[in-house]
Protein backbone atom coordinates (compact mmCIF):
# COMPACT_ATOMS: atom_id res chain seq x y z
CA MET A 1 130.45 57.09 106.17
CA ILE A 2 126.91 56.68 107.45
CA ASP A 3 126.23 55.66 111.04
CA LEU A 4 125.22 52.05 110.37
CA SER A 5 123.38 51.80 113.68
CA GLN A 6 120.92 54.41 112.39
CA LEU A 7 119.81 52.41 109.35
CA PRO A 8 116.11 51.55 109.26
CA SER A 9 114.78 47.99 109.42
CA VAL A 10 113.22 48.06 105.95
CA SER A 11 113.20 45.92 102.83
CA ALA A 12 115.41 47.75 100.34
CA ILE A 13 117.83 47.96 97.46
CA TYR A 14 120.95 49.75 98.67
CA ARG A 15 123.87 51.42 96.92
CA VAL A 16 127.31 52.03 98.34
CA TRP A 17 128.89 55.20 97.00
CA HIS A 18 132.52 56.27 96.89
CA ARG A 19 132.62 59.93 95.97
CA ASP A 20 130.50 60.20 92.81
CA ARG A 21 130.16 56.56 91.80
CA VAL A 22 128.28 53.49 92.95
CA ILE A 23 130.74 50.78 93.95
CA TYR A 24 128.33 48.14 95.29
CA VAL A 25 124.61 47.34 95.07
CA GLY A 26 122.62 44.84 97.06
CA GLN A 27 119.24 43.86 98.38
CA THR A 28 117.89 42.94 101.77
CA ILE A 29 114.65 42.36 103.62
CA ASN A 30 116.13 44.15 106.66
CA LEU A 31 118.66 46.90 105.92
CA LYS A 32 119.73 47.43 109.51
CA LYS A 33 120.32 43.73 110.19
CA ARG A 34 122.12 43.26 106.86
CA TRP A 35 124.73 45.89 107.65
CA GLN A 36 125.43 44.57 111.14
CA THR A 37 127.44 41.72 109.59
CA HIS A 38 127.81 42.60 105.89
CA HIS A 39 130.61 40.69 104.14
CA ILE A 40 131.58 43.78 102.12
CA LEU A 41 132.22 45.98 105.19
CA PRO A 42 135.86 44.90 105.80
CA LYS A 43 136.68 45.49 102.12
CA LEU A 44 135.05 48.94 102.17
CA LEU A 45 136.98 49.95 105.26
CA SER A 46 140.33 48.68 103.98
CA LYS A 47 139.97 50.15 100.48
CA TYR A 48 138.09 53.40 101.18
CA GLY A 49 138.44 54.06 104.90
CA THR A 50 135.40 56.15 105.81
CA ASP A 51 135.14 57.79 102.37
CA TRP A 52 131.93 55.99 101.38
CA THR A 53 128.24 56.16 102.14
CA ILE A 54 125.04 54.18 101.63
CA ASP A 55 121.69 55.16 100.25
CA TRP A 56 118.65 52.97 99.72
CA VAL A 57 115.18 52.73 98.25
CA GLU A 58 112.48 50.82 100.07
CA ILE A 59 111.25 47.99 97.84
CA ALA A 60 108.64 45.31 98.48
CA PRO A 61 110.34 41.96 99.12
CA SER A 62 108.66 40.46 96.05
CA ASN A 63 110.42 43.02 93.81
CA LEU A 64 113.92 42.87 95.30
CA ASN A 65 115.48 40.44 92.82
CA ARG A 66 114.43 42.37 89.76
CA ALA A 67 115.30 45.76 91.27
CA GLU A 68 118.77 44.57 92.25
CA ALA A 69 119.36 43.21 88.74
CA PHE A 70 118.37 46.57 87.22
CA ALA A 71 120.63 48.48 89.63
CA TYR A 72 123.55 46.17 88.90
CA ARG A 73 123.19 46.54 85.13
CA PHE A 74 122.79 50.31 85.35
CA PHE A 75 125.64 51.11 87.76
CA LYS A 76 128.09 48.25 86.98
CA PRO A 77 129.52 48.42 90.52
CA GLU A 78 133.15 47.35 90.82
CA LEU A 79 132.83 45.50 94.14
CA ASN A 80 129.93 43.24 93.15
CA GLN A 81 131.52 39.91 92.33
CA LYS A 82 128.51 38.34 90.66
CA ASN A 83 125.79 39.55 88.34
CA PRO A 84 122.44 39.18 90.17
CA SER A 85 120.61 38.45 86.88
CA GLU A 86 122.77 35.41 86.23
CA LEU A 87 122.55 34.18 89.82
CA LEU A 88 118.77 34.44 89.79
CA GLY A 89 118.29 33.01 86.31
CA LEU A 90 116.60 36.20 85.10
CA ASP A 91 116.43 36.98 81.41
CA SER A 92 119.25 39.50 80.97
CA SER A 93 117.05 41.63 78.69
CA LEU A 94 114.73 42.22 81.66
CA ALA A 95 117.59 43.64 83.68
CA ASN A 96 118.95 45.84 80.88
CA PRO A 97 117.65 49.38 81.36
CA SER A 98 118.27 50.47 77.74
């Protein structure tokens, strides 16, 4: 598990990994602040203990919605409860990487 206090204060798409698979994707305008109170944290700790990590890609705030939709469609993360494309009203073909 990554030291959450060391996360940068950047706009980003982030992925939560358990071993070799992405289990959650999200977006934020401030990665550090987001993980101080993230709703998924209790679920991660109860289900995976400390056997998970986060990585991220800095993305301009104006591109976050589309980038998150692409990441969701590509990785199909099990812990995401809602498809970002549907929530945002994006054309699903825009979020399909094939």
